[in-house]
Amino acid sequence: QVDGAKITTQCLLTARLDQGSLTMQSLWVTGESPLDMAITGGTGAYRDAQGTVRVWDIATPNERMRAEITHPATR
């Protein structure tokens, strides 16, 4: 969606980690930070992962994320 300089996009991320990968999804308005994303899937050790990820400074050299991951077996 484009509303002047405000652009809303579908944001999909995949993070490759030592024991597998995580996929995340959210809507993002260009320039907004932080962004909270839902964990939508994973592979390897993260196959059944659920939770949220917060991402700051998207599409900049300072981009970083913090994940809070839960597994059904540990709940």
N, C-alpha and C. Protein backbone atom coordinates (compact mmCIF):
# COMPACT_ATOMS: atom_id res chain seq x y z
N GLN A 1 0.85 -1.16 0.00
CA GLN A 1 0.00 0.00 0.00
C GLN A 1 0.90 1.23 0.00
N VAL A 2 0.58 2.20 -0.83
CA VAL A 2 1.34 3.44 -0.90
C VAL A 2 0.40 4.59 -0.57
N ASP A 3 0.79 5.38 0.43
CA ASP A 3 0.03 6.56 0.83
C ASP A 3 1.04 7.69 0.96
N GLY A 4 1.35 8.34 -0.16
CA GLY A 4 2.40 9.36 -0.17
C GLY A 4 3.74 8.71 0.10
N ALA A 5 4.44 9.21 1.11
CA ALA A 5 5.74 8.65 1.47
C ALA A 5 5.61 7.42 2.38
N LYS A 6 4.39 7.15 2.85
CA LYS A 6 4.15 6.01 3.74
C LYS A 6 3.88 4.76 2.89
N ILE A 7 4.80 3.81 2.91
CA ILE A 7 4.68 2.60 2.11
C ILE A 7 4.60 1.40 3.05
N THR A 8 3.51 0.64 2.95
CA THR A 8 3.33 -0.56 3.76
C THR A 8 3.59 -1.78 2.89
N THR A 9 4.48 -2.66 3.35
CA THR A 9 4.83 -3.85 2.59
C THR A 9 4.70 -5.10 3.45
N GLN A 10 4.56 -6.22 2.77
CA GLN A 10 4.60 -7.53 3.42
C GLN A 10 6.08 -7.84 3.66
N CYS A 11 6.45 -8.08 4.90
CA CYS A 11 7.85 -8.33 5.25
C CYS A 11 8.00 -9.79 5.65
N LEU A 12 8.80 -10.53 4.91
CA LEU A 12 9.12 -11.93 5.20
C LEU A 12 10.62 -12.04 5.41
N LEU A 13 11.02 -12.66 6.50
CA LEU A 13 12.44 -12.84 6.78
C LEU A 13 12.71 -14.31 7.08
N THR A 14 13.87 -14.78 6.68
CA THR A 14 14.36 -16.09 7.09
C THR A 14 15.74 -15.89 7.69
N ALA A 15 15.92 -16.38 8.90
CA ALA A 15 17.22 -16.29 9.57
C ALA A 15 17.83 -17.69 9.60
N ARG A 16 19.03 -17.82 9.05
CA ARG A 16 19.74 -19.09 9.10
C ARG A 16 20.61 -19.11 10.35
N LEU A 17 20.40 -20.12 11.18
CA LEU A 17 21.11 -20.25 12.45
C LEU A 17 21.89 -21.57 12.44
N ASP A 18 22.75 -21.78 13.45
CA ASP A 18 23.58 -22.98 13.49
C ASP A 18 22.77 -24.28 13.45
N GLN A 19 21.60 -24.30 14.10
CA GLN A 19 20.84 -25.54 14.20
C GLN A 19 19.57 -25.55 13.34
N GLY A 20 19.47 -24.67 12.38
CA GLY A 20 18.32 -24.62 11.50
C GLY A 20 18.00 -23.20 11.10
N SER A 21 16.77 -22.97 10.67
CA SER A 21 16.37 -21.62 10.28
C SER A 21 15.01 -21.28 10.87
N LEU A 22 14.74 -19.97 10.95
CA LEU A 22 13.45 -19.45 11.40
C LEU A 22 12.87 -18.59 10.29
N THR A 23 11.56 -18.69 10.08
CA THR A 23 10.89 -17.78 9.16
C THR A 23 9.96 -16.88 9.97
N MET A 24 9.88 -15.62 9.56
CA MET A 24 9.10 -14.62 10.27
C MET A 24 8.30 -13.79 9.28
N GLN A 25 7.19 -13.20 9.75
CA GLN A 25 6.31 -12.45 8.86
C GLN A 25 5.60 -11.33 9.60
N SER A 26 5.40 -10.20 8.90
CA SER A 26 4.65 -9.06 9.44
C SER A 26 4.43 -8.05 8.32
N LEU A 27 3.60 -7.06 8.60
CA LEU A 27 3.52 -5.88 7.74
C LEU A 27 4.50 -4.86 8.26
N TRP A 28 5.12 -4.10 7.37
CA TRP A 28 6.11 -3.10 7.77
C TRP A 28 5.87 -1.81 7.01
N VAL A 29 5.85 -0.71 7.74
CA VAL A 29 5.78 0.61 7.12
C VAL A 29 7.22 1.12 7.02
N THR A 30 7.65 1.42 5.80
CA THR A 30 9.02 1.84 5.56
C THR A 30 9.49 2.87 6.57
N GLY A 31 10.63 2.58 7.19
CA GLY A 31 11.24 3.50 8.14
C GLY A 31 10.83 3.28 9.59
N GLU A 32 9.75 2.54 9.85
CA GLU A 32 9.33 2.33 11.23
C GLU A 32 10.24 1.32 11.93
N SER A 33 10.55 1.60 13.18
CA SER A 33 11.40 0.73 13.97
C SER A 33 11.05 0.92 15.44
N PRO A 34 10.90 -0.11 16.22
CA PRO A 34 11.10 -1.51 15.87
C PRO A 34 9.87 -2.11 15.20
N LEU A 35 10.05 -3.32 14.67
CA LEU A 35 8.98 -4.09 14.05
C LEU A 35 8.86 -5.41 14.80
N ASP A 36 7.65 -5.77 15.20
CA ASP A 36 7.39 -7.07 15.82
C ASP A 36 6.86 -8.02 14.76
N MET A 37 7.46 -9.20 14.70
CA MET A 37 7.10 -10.19 13.69
C MET A 37 6.70 -11.51 14.36
N ALA A 38 5.82 -12.24 13.71
CA ALA A 38 5.44 -13.58 14.18
C ALA A 38 6.40 -14.60 13.58
N ILE A 39 6.82 -15.57 14.39
CA ILE A 39 7.57 -16.71 13.86
C ILE A 39 6.55 -17.63 13.21
N THR A 40 6.73 -17.90 11.92
CA THR A 40 5.75 -18.67 11.16
C THR A 40 6.23 -20.07 10.80
N GLY A 41 7.46 -20.39 11.12
CA GLY A 41 7.98 -21.71 10.81
C GLY A 41 9.45 -21.81 11.09
N GLY A 42 9.98 -22.98 10.83
CA GLY A 42 11.40 -23.20 11.07
C GLY A 42 11.82 -24.56 10.56
N THR A 43 13.14 -24.80 10.59
CA THR A 43 13.70 -26.08 10.19
C THR A 43 14.67 -26.53 11.27
N GLY A 44 15.07 -27.79 11.20
CA GLY A 44 16.04 -28.32 12.15
C GLY A 44 15.52 -28.23 13.57
N ALA A 45 16.35 -27.71 14.47
CA ALA A 45 15.97 -27.58 15.88
C ALA A 45 14.80 -26.63 16.08
N TYR A 46 14.49 -25.82 15.08
CA TYR A 46 13.41 -24.83 15.19
C TYR A 46 12.15 -25.26 14.44
N ARG A 47 12.07 -26.54 14.09
CA ARG A 47 10.96 -27.05 13.28
C ARG A 47 9.59 -26.71 13.87
N ASP A 48 9.42 -26.82 15.17
CA ASP A 48 8.13 -26.54 15.81
C ASP A 48 8.11 -25.20 16.55
N ALA A 49 9.05 -24.34 16.24
CA ALA A 49 9.18 -23.07 16.96
C ALA A 49 7.97 -22.17 16.75
N GLN A 50 7.63 -21.46 17.80
CA GLN A 50 6.61 -20.42 17.76
C GLN A 50 7.17 -19.24 18.54
N GLY A 51 6.58 -18.08 18.38
CA GLY A 51 7.01 -16.94 19.17
C GLY A 51 7.03 -15.66 18.36
N THR A 52 7.82 -14.72 18.84
CA THR A 52 7.90 -13.41 18.20
C THR A 52 9.36 -12.98 18.06
N VAL A 53 9.55 -12.07 17.13
CA VAL A 53 10.86 -11.49 16.88
C VAL A 53 10.68 -9.98 16.80
N ARG A 54 11.56 -9.24 17.42
CA ARG A 54 11.57 -7.78 17.30
C ARG A 54 12.81 -7.41 16.49
N VAL A 55 12.59 -6.59 15.45
CA VAL A 55 13.66 -6.18 14.55
C VAL A 55 13.77 -4.66 14.59
N TRP A 56 15.02 -4.16 14.67
CA TRP A 56 15.29 -2.72 14.68
C TRP A 56 16.11 -2.34 13.46
N ASP A 57 15.96 -1.11 13.01
CA ASP A 57 16.79 -0.53 11.95
C ASP A 57 16.81 -1.39 10.68
N ILE A 58 15.62 -1.78 10.21
CA ILE A 58 15.50 -2.64 9.04
C ILE A 58 16.10 -1.96 7.81
N ALA A 59 16.80 -2.78 7.03
CA ALA A 59 17.42 -2.35 5.76
C ALA A 59 18.49 -1.28 5.97
N THR A 60 19.14 -1.32 7.12
CA THR A 60 20.28 -0.43 7.38
C THR A 60 21.46 -1.29 7.83
N PRO A 61 22.66 -0.73 7.85
CA PRO A 61 23.82 -1.49 8.35
C PRO A 61 23.71 -1.85 9.83
N ASN A 62 22.80 -1.21 10.56
CA ASN A 62 22.64 -1.46 12.00
C ASN A 62 21.50 -2.42 12.31
N GLU A 63 20.93 -3.09 11.30
CA GLU A 63 19.79 -3.98 11.53
C GLU A 63 20.15 -5.07 12.55
N ARG A 64 19.22 -5.31 13.48
CA ARG A 64 19.43 -6.35 14.49
C ARG A 64 18.08 -6.91 14.90
N MET A 65 18.09 -8.11 15.49
CA MET A 65 16.84 -8.74 15.91
C MET A 65 17.02 -9.47 17.23
N ARG A 66 15.90 -9.62 17.93
CA ARG A 66 15.85 -10.40 19.16
C ARG A 66 14.63 -11.29 19.08
N ALA A 67 14.84 -12.59 19.29
CA ALA A 67 13.75 -13.56 19.19
C ALA A 67 13.40 -14.14 20.55
N GLU A 68 12.11 -14.34 20.77
CA GLU A 68 11.61 -15.09 21.92
C GLU A 68 10.92 -16.31 21.33
N ILE A 69 11.58 -17.46 21.45
CA ILE A 69 11.15 -18.69 20.79
C ILE A 69 10.62 -19.67 21.85
N THR A 70 9.48 -20.29 21.54
CA THR A 70 8.96 -21.37 22.37
C THR A 70 8.79 -22.60 21.49
N HIS A 71 8.91 -23.76 22.10
CA HIS A 71 8.67 -25.03 21.43
C HIS A 71 7.52 -25.72 22.14
N PRO A 72 6.61 -26.35 21.42
CA PRO A 72 5.47 -27.03 22.06
C PRO A 72 5.90 -28.03 23.13
N ALA A 73 7.00 -28.72 22.95
CA ALA A 73 7.44 -29.73 23.92
C ALA A 73 7.89 -29.12 25.24
N THR A 74 8.23 -27.83 25.25
CA THR A 74 8.75 -27.20 26.46
C THR A 74 7.72 -26.34 27.19
N ARG A 75 6.51 -26.25 26.66
CA ARG A 75 5.48 -25.44 27.28
C ARG A 75 4.78 -26.17 28.39
